[in-house]
Amino acid sequence: MNSVSLERLDTAIRQSTFYYPNVSTFRAYAKINLGLHVLEKRPDGYHNIETVFHRINLFDTISFDSSPTIAITSSSTIVPRDERNICFKAASLLRELWGIHEGVRISIQKNIPVGAGLGGGSSDAATVLLHLPAFWRHTASDNLLHSLAIQLGSDVPYFLERGSALAKGRGESLEYFSFDVPYTILLCNPGIHVSTAWAYQHVKPARSSVDLKDLVVRGMENPSALSGLTNDFEETVFKEHQVIGQIKQTMLHSGAVCSLMSGSGSSVYGLFPSRKDVETCEGILRQRGYFVSMTAPHFQAP
């Protein structure tokens, strides 16, 4: 068979319903909230917030493989494997949009703690929206992906683009910007699940006059500015789960120039200028049996 015939055969196979690309694997990075203000409750029942989303070097891996239906596998026993799974929902939205009948097996290697204020599920769902179209030989515009993402969750739109972002509204109004973090970011999760719905029910909304983006940028050069960063969920969550507040105090006493809870909890992070201090703190928290992760200074998620 000559080269022209081979090329035609290859094209025919790729256009047939029996062709599937090779397995593809993608990283879904976690985020932390550099400050979080809950401003007011909206008529639609959600809350307006203001926060800075920033990715850290902790990620799940998402793999696609051929399947006659949408199927979910996960390394975590607490992640649902049916239509309740946010990746299943993302795939379903895309399939309904294009009216296609083929499926996909989505394999989720969970490294990001579940329900920990790190956006793990949202990042996983965004990864599906970004990369599943190509697996199904389709393309999707940025506007379309954003409209689908907001249907899945308030944090999902952020993960569609690279970089850090000032988020307003429900979290879907995003202003991306770049800044360098010269600190080691130490993350700790004590294995406590904090319900986001419960946290919003008990938080006390309040208007803020702080320019959060400016504060974060200044804090990268002037650590004292970081003392102005706050998370409005901390008061409520710390009362209910004292251990989470104790982790914050451990980080501050160990040399962190700033320590905050991420999202509505239960993860806490600290920004450390000293490698020795962060390693000492990491050892203390690991001895308590907590999940710990470190992100090196100047990290930028690819």
Protein backbone atom coordinates (compact mmCIF):
# COMPACT_ATOMS: atom_id res chain seq x y z
CA MET A 1 0.00 0.00 0.00
CA ASN A 2 1.45 3.39 -1.02
CA SER A 3 1.80 6.44 1.25
CA VAL A 4 -1.29 8.16 -0.20
CA SER A 5 -3.46 5.12 0.55
CA LEU A 6 -2.05 4.88 4.07
CA GLU A 7 -2.84 8.53 4.68
CA ARG A 8 -6.43 8.06 3.49
CA LEU A 9 -6.83 4.98 5.67
CA ASP A 10 -5.50 6.86 8.68
CA THR A 11 -7.93 9.73 8.03
CA ALA A 12 -10.86 7.33 7.65
CA ILE A 13 -10.02 5.63 10.95
CA ARG A 14 -9.77 8.95 12.77
CA GLN A 15 -13.15 10.06 11.42
CA SER A 16 -14.88 6.81 12.36
CA THR A 17 -16.85 6.38 15.56
CA PHE A 18 -14.46 3.61 16.58
CA TYR A 19 -11.37 5.85 16.86
CA TYR A 20 -10.26 7.08 20.25
CA PRO A 21 -7.14 9.12 21.04
CA ASN A 22 -4.51 7.71 23.34
CA VAL A 23 -5.00 8.17 27.05
CA SER A 24 -4.26 11.76 28.05
CA THR A 25 -3.37 12.95 31.54
CA PHE A 26 -3.59 16.49 32.87
CA ARG A 27 -2.79 18.23 36.14
CA ALA A 28 -5.52 20.01 38.11
CA TYR A 29 -3.85 22.37 40.60
CA ALA A 30 -5.22 23.41 43.98
CA LYS A 31 -5.73 27.05 44.97
CA ILE A 32 -5.50 29.04 48.15
CA ASN A 33 -7.35 32.24 48.99
CA LEU A 34 -5.06 35.17 49.73
CA GLY A 35 -7.65 36.98 51.79
CA LEU A 36 -11.39 36.36 51.60
CA HIS A 37 -14.14 38.90 52.27
CA VAL A 38 -17.82 37.92 52.37
CA LEU A 39 -19.55 41.18 51.46
CA GLU A 40 -23.29 40.56 51.34
CA LYS A 41 -26.00 38.03 50.58
CA ARG A 42 -27.48 38.31 47.12
CA PRO A 43 -31.15 38.02 46.10
CA ASP A 44 -30.36 34.69 44.40
CA GLY A 45 -29.21 33.21 47.72
CA TYR A 46 -25.48 33.32 46.94
CA HIS A 47 -23.02 35.75 48.55
CA ASN A 48 -20.86 38.39 46.92
CA ILE A 49 -17.25 37.85 47.86
CA GLU A 50 -13.84 39.31 47.17
CA THR A 51 -10.71 37.17 47.20
CA VAL A 52 -7.43 36.51 45.43
CA PHE A 53 -7.11 33.00 44.03
CA HIS A 54 -3.57 31.64 43.76
CA ARG A 55 -2.45 28.17 42.65
CA ILE A 56 -0.05 26.09 44.71
CA ASN A 57 2.07 23.07 43.81
CA LEU A 58 -0.48 20.46 44.81
CA PHE A 59 -2.53 18.79 42.12
CA ASP A 60 -4.86 15.97 41.14
CA THR A 61 -4.29 14.18 37.84
CA ILE A 62 -7.15 13.67 35.40
CA SER A 63 -6.95 11.01 32.69
CA PHE A 64 -9.28 10.27 29.77
CA ASP A 65 -9.73 6.92 28.10
CA SER A 66 -12.30 5.40 25.76
CA SER A 67 -15.63 4.20 27.15
CA PRO A 68 -19.12 3.67 25.72
CA THR A 69 -20.56 5.78 28.57
CA ILE A 70 -19.38 8.47 30.95
CA ALA A 71 -17.58 6.62 33.73
CA ILE A 72 -15.65 7.86 36.76
CA THR A 73 -12.84 6.15 38.64
CA SER A 74 -10.99 7.71 41.56
CA SER A 75 -8.21 6.88 43.97
CA SER A 76 -10.34 8.39 46.75
CA THR A 77 -13.06 6.32 48.36
CA ILE A 78 -15.08 9.41 49.30
CA VAL A 79 -15.32 10.83 45.77
CA PRO A 80 -18.65 9.85 44.15
CA ARG A 81 -18.42 7.86 40.95
CA ASP A 82 -21.87 8.61 39.55
CA GLU A 83 -23.78 11.66 38.30
CA ARG A 84 -23.06 13.45 41.60
CA ASN A 85 -19.40 13.77 40.62
CA ILE A 86 -18.57 17.25 39.31
CA CYS A 87 -16.38 15.81 36.53
CA PHE A 88 -19.29 13.60 35.45
CA LYS A 89 -21.47 16.73 35.36
CA ALA A 90 -18.88 18.60 33.28
CA ALA A 91 -18.66 15.76 30.76
CA SER A 92 -22.46 15.52 30.60
CA LEU A 93 -22.79 19.23 29.82
CA LEU A 94 -20.36 18.91 26.93
CA ARG A 95 -21.98 15.76 25.57
CA GLU A 96 -25.47 17.27 25.70
CA LEU A 97 -24.19 20.45 24.07
CA TRP A 98 -22.87 18.61 21.02
CA GLY A 99 -25.42 15.80 20.97
CA ILE A 100 -22.73 13.13 20.80
CA HIS A 101 -23.15 9.54 21.94
CA GLU A 102 -19.65 8.36 22.75
CA GLY A 103 -18.49 8.33 26.33
CA VAL A 104 -15.26 8.71 28.28
CA ARG A 105 -13.64 7.12 31.30
CA ILE A 106 -12.38 9.89 33.58
CA SER A 107 -9.80 8.67 36.07
CA ILE A 108 -9.10 10.98 39.01
CA GLN A 109 -5.94 10.57 41.07
CA LYS A 110 -6.84 12.57 44.17
CA ASN A 111 -3.95 14.29 45.92
CA ILE A 112 -5.86 17.43 46.97
CA PRO A 113 -7.81 16.83 50.20
CA VAL A 114 -11.57 16.72 49.60
CA GLY A 115 -13.78 19.47 51.03
CA ALA A 116 -10.75 21.38 52.28
CA GLY A 117 -11.15 24.89 50.84
CA LEU A 118 -8.61 24.20 48.08
CA GLY A 119 -10.92 24.00 45.07
CA GLY A 120 -9.93 20.44 44.20
CA GLY A 121 -13.27 19.44 42.72
CA SER A 122 -13.59 22.75 40.88
CA SER A 123 -10.10 22.39 39.41
CA ASP A 124 -10.87 18.82 38.32
CA ALA A 125 -14.09 19.95 36.60
CA ALA A 126 -12.34 22.83 34.83
CA THR A 127 -9.69 20.40 33.58
CA VAL A 128 -12.44 18.26 32.06
CA LEU A 129 -14.01 21.30 30.37
CA LEU A 130 -10.66 22.40 28.98
CA HIS A 131 -9.38 19.08 27.62
CA LEU A 132 -12.32 16.74 27.01
CA PRO A 133 -13.46 18.62 23.85
CA ALA A 134 -10.23 17.69 22.07
CA PHE A 135 -10.62 14.07 23.19
CA TRP A 136 -14.04 14.11 21.54
CA ARG A 137 -12.63 15.96 18.50
CA HIS A 138 -14.49 19.20 19.22
CA THR A 139 -13.52 22.75 20.11
CA ALA A 140 -15.12 25.11 22.61
CA SER A 141 -14.77 28.89 22.85
CA ASP A 142 -13.62 30.61 26.03
CA ASN A 143 -17.08 32.17 26.46
CA LEU A 144 -18.77 28.79 26.15
CA LEU A 145 -16.44 27.19 28.67
CA HIS A 146 -17.02 30.03 31.14
CA SER A 147 -20.82 29.68 30.83
CA LEU A 148 -20.58 25.94 31.48
CA ALA A 149 -18.14 26.42 34.35
CA ILE A 150 -20.42 28.76 36.30
CA GLN A 151 -23.18 26.15 36.07
CA LEU A 152 -20.90 23.71 37.87
CA GLY A 153 -19.68 25.93 40.71
CA SER A 154 -18.56 29.42 41.66
CA ASP A 155 -14.85 28.52 41.77
CA VAL A 156 -14.76 26.56 38.51
CA PRO A 157 -14.33 29.55 36.12
CA TYR A 158 -11.07 30.58 37.80
CA PHE A 159 -9.36 27.33 36.84
CA LEU A 160 -10.03 27.83 33.12
CA GLU A 161 -7.08 30.22 32.80
CA ARG A 162 -3.55 30.37 34.17
CA GLY A 163 -2.29 32.76 36.79
CA SER A 164 -3.72 34.34 39.92
CA ALA A 165 -6.91 36.37 39.93
CA LEU A 166 -8.89 38.88 41.92
CA ALA A 167 -12.36 37.33 42.15
CA LYS A 168 -15.60 39.17 42.84
CA GLY A 169 -19.31 38.43 42.61
CA ARG A 170 -19.87 34.75 43.38
CA GLY A 171 -16.23 34.26 42.43
CA GLU A 172 -16.87 34.18 38.69
CA SER A 173 -15.95 37.83 37.99
CA LEU A 174 -12.21 37.50 37.49
CA GLU A 175 -9.29 39.87 36.96
CA TYR A 176 -6.17 37.82 36.25
CA PHE A 177 -2.80 39.25 37.18
CA SER A 178 0.73 38.01 37.82
CA PHE A 179 2.89 38.41 40.89
CA ASP A 180 5.83 36.56 42.33
CA VAL A 181 5.54 34.86 45.74
CA PRO A 182 8.99 34.90 47.37
CA TYR A 183 7.81 32.80 50.33
CA THR A 184 7.54 29.06 50.84
CA ILE A 185 3.85 28.23 51.14
CA LEU A 186 3.18 25.58 53.78
CA LEU A 187 -0.27 24.02 53.59
CA CYS A 188 -1.85 21.93 56.33
CA ASN A 189 -5.14 20.05 56.41
CA PRO A 190 -6.25 18.32 59.63
CA GLY A 191 -8.73 16.01 57.91
CA ILE A 192 -11.79 17.93 59.10
CA HIS A 193 -14.62 18.48 56.61
CA VAL A 194 -16.20 21.93 56.82
CA SER A 195 -19.45 22.26 54.89
CA THR A 196 -19.34 25.31 52.61
CA ALA A 197 -23.12 25.71 52.93
CA TRP A 198 -22.84 25.65 56.73
CA ALA A 199 -20.02 28.18 56.68
CA TYR A 200 -22.02 30.63 54.56
CA GLN A 201 -25.06 30.20 56.81
CA HIS A 202 -23.06 31.29 59.84
CA VAL A 203 -20.66 33.89 58.43
CA LYS A 204 -21.29 37.58 59.15
CA PRO A 205 -21.12 39.51 55.85
CA ALA A 206 -19.50 42.95 56.02
CA ARG A 207 -18.40 45.51 53.47
CA SER A 208 -14.64 45.95 53.16
CA SER A 209 -12.63 49.02 52.19
CA VAL A 210 -9.42 47.01 51.68
CA ASP A 211 -7.89 46.99 48.19
CA LEU A 212 -7.16 43.28 48.29
CA LYS A 213 -5.18 43.06 45.06
CA ASP A 214 -2.93 45.97 46.08
CA LEU A 215 -2.47 44.49 49.55
CA VAL A 216 -1.38 41.13 48.16
CA VAL A 217 1.06 42.66 45.67
CA ARG A 218 2.61 44.94 48.33
CA GLY A 219 2.87 42.01 50.71
CA MET A 220 5.17 40.16 48.35
CA GLU A 221 7.83 42.84 48.93
CA ASN A 222 6.78 44.11 52.35
CA PRO A 223 5.78 41.25 54.70
CA SER A 224 4.23 43.65 57.22
CA ALA A 225 1.50 44.47 54.69
CA LEU A 226 0.27 40.89 54.89
CA SER A 227 -1.04 41.51 58.39
CA GLY A 228 -4.00 43.16 56.65
CA LEU A 229 -5.09 39.90 55.02
CA THR A 230 -8.16 38.34 56.62
CA ASN A 231 -10.59 35.51 55.95
CA ASP A 232 -14.12 36.26 57.11
CA PHE A 233 -14.88 32.57 57.67
CA GLU A 234 -12.21 32.10 60.31
CA GLU A 235 -14.16 33.39 63.31
CA THR A 236 -17.06 31.00 62.70
CA VAL A 237 -14.99 27.98 61.73
CA PHE A 238 -12.43 28.38 64.52
CA LYS A 239 -15.22 28.43 67.13
CA GLU A 240 -16.59 25.17 65.77
CA HIS A 241 -13.21 23.51 65.12
CA GLN A 242 -10.54 24.81 67.48
CA VAL A 243 -7.89 22.56 65.91
CA ILE A 244 -7.97 24.63 62.71
CA GLY A 245 -7.26 27.81 64.64
CA GLN A 246 -4.46 26.05 66.50
CA ILE A 247 -2.78 25.18 63.20
CA LYS A 248 -2.79 28.87 62.27
CA GLN A 249 -1.20 29.80 65.59
CA THR A 250 1.43 27.09 65.18
CA MET A 251 2.42 28.55 61.81
CA LEU A 252 2.60 32.10 63.12
CA HIS A 253 4.64 31.05 66.16
CA SER A 254 6.96 29.09 63.85
CA GLY A 255 7.88 32.12 61.75
CA ALA A 256 5.15 32.54 59.13
CA VAL A 257 4.71 36.20 58.13
CA CYS A 258 1.08 35.42 57.32
CA SER A 259 -1.21 32.49 58.01
CA LEU A 260 -4.83 32.15 56.92
CA MET A 261 -7.48 29.54 56.43
CA SER A 262 -8.18 28.88 52.75
CA GLY A 263 -11.75 29.24 51.55
CA SER A 264 -14.28 28.05 54.11
CA GLY A 265 -11.73 25.59 55.53
CA SER A 266 -10.41 23.37 56.78
CA SER A 267 -6.98 23.89 55.22
CA VAL A 268 -4.62 26.53 56.60
CA TYR A 269 -1.55 27.92 54.87
CA GLY A 270 1.42 29.95 56.02
CA LEU A 271 3.89 32.11 54.11
CA PHE A 272 7.44 31.52 55.36
CA PRO A 273 10.52 33.58 54.42
CA SER A 274 12.87 31.12 56.18
CA ARG A 275 13.46 27.62 54.86
CA LYS A 276 14.59 26.47 58.29
CA ASP A 277 11.40 27.78 59.95
CA VAL A 278 9.08 26.18 57.41
CA GLU A 279 10.80 22.81 57.71
CA THR A 280 10.52 22.96 61.51
CA CYS A 281 6.83 23.81 61.29
CA GLU A 282 6.24 21.08 58.73
CA GLY A 283 7.76 18.54 61.11
CA ILE A 284 5.54 19.69 63.99
CA LEU A 285 2.37 19.41 61.92
CA ARG A 286 3.32 16.02 60.45
CA GLN A 287 3.91 14.70 63.95
CA ARG A 288 0.29 15.59 64.73
CA GLY A 289 -0.82 13.37 61.85
CA TYR A 290 -1.97 16.15 59.53
CA PHE A 291 -1.72 16.32 55.75
CA VAL A 292 1.07 18.75 54.84
CA SER A 293 2.25 20.10 51.50
CA MET A 294 4.93 22.69 50.58
CA THR A 295 5.13 24.98 47.56
CA ALA A 296 8.56 26.44 46.82
CA PRO A 297 9.13 30.19 46.47
CA HIS A 298 8.45 31.68 43.01
CA PHE A 299 6.29 28.73 41.95
CA GLN A 300 4.07 29.34 38.91
CA ALA A 301 1.69 26.60 37.86
CA PRO A 302 2.24 25.68 34.18
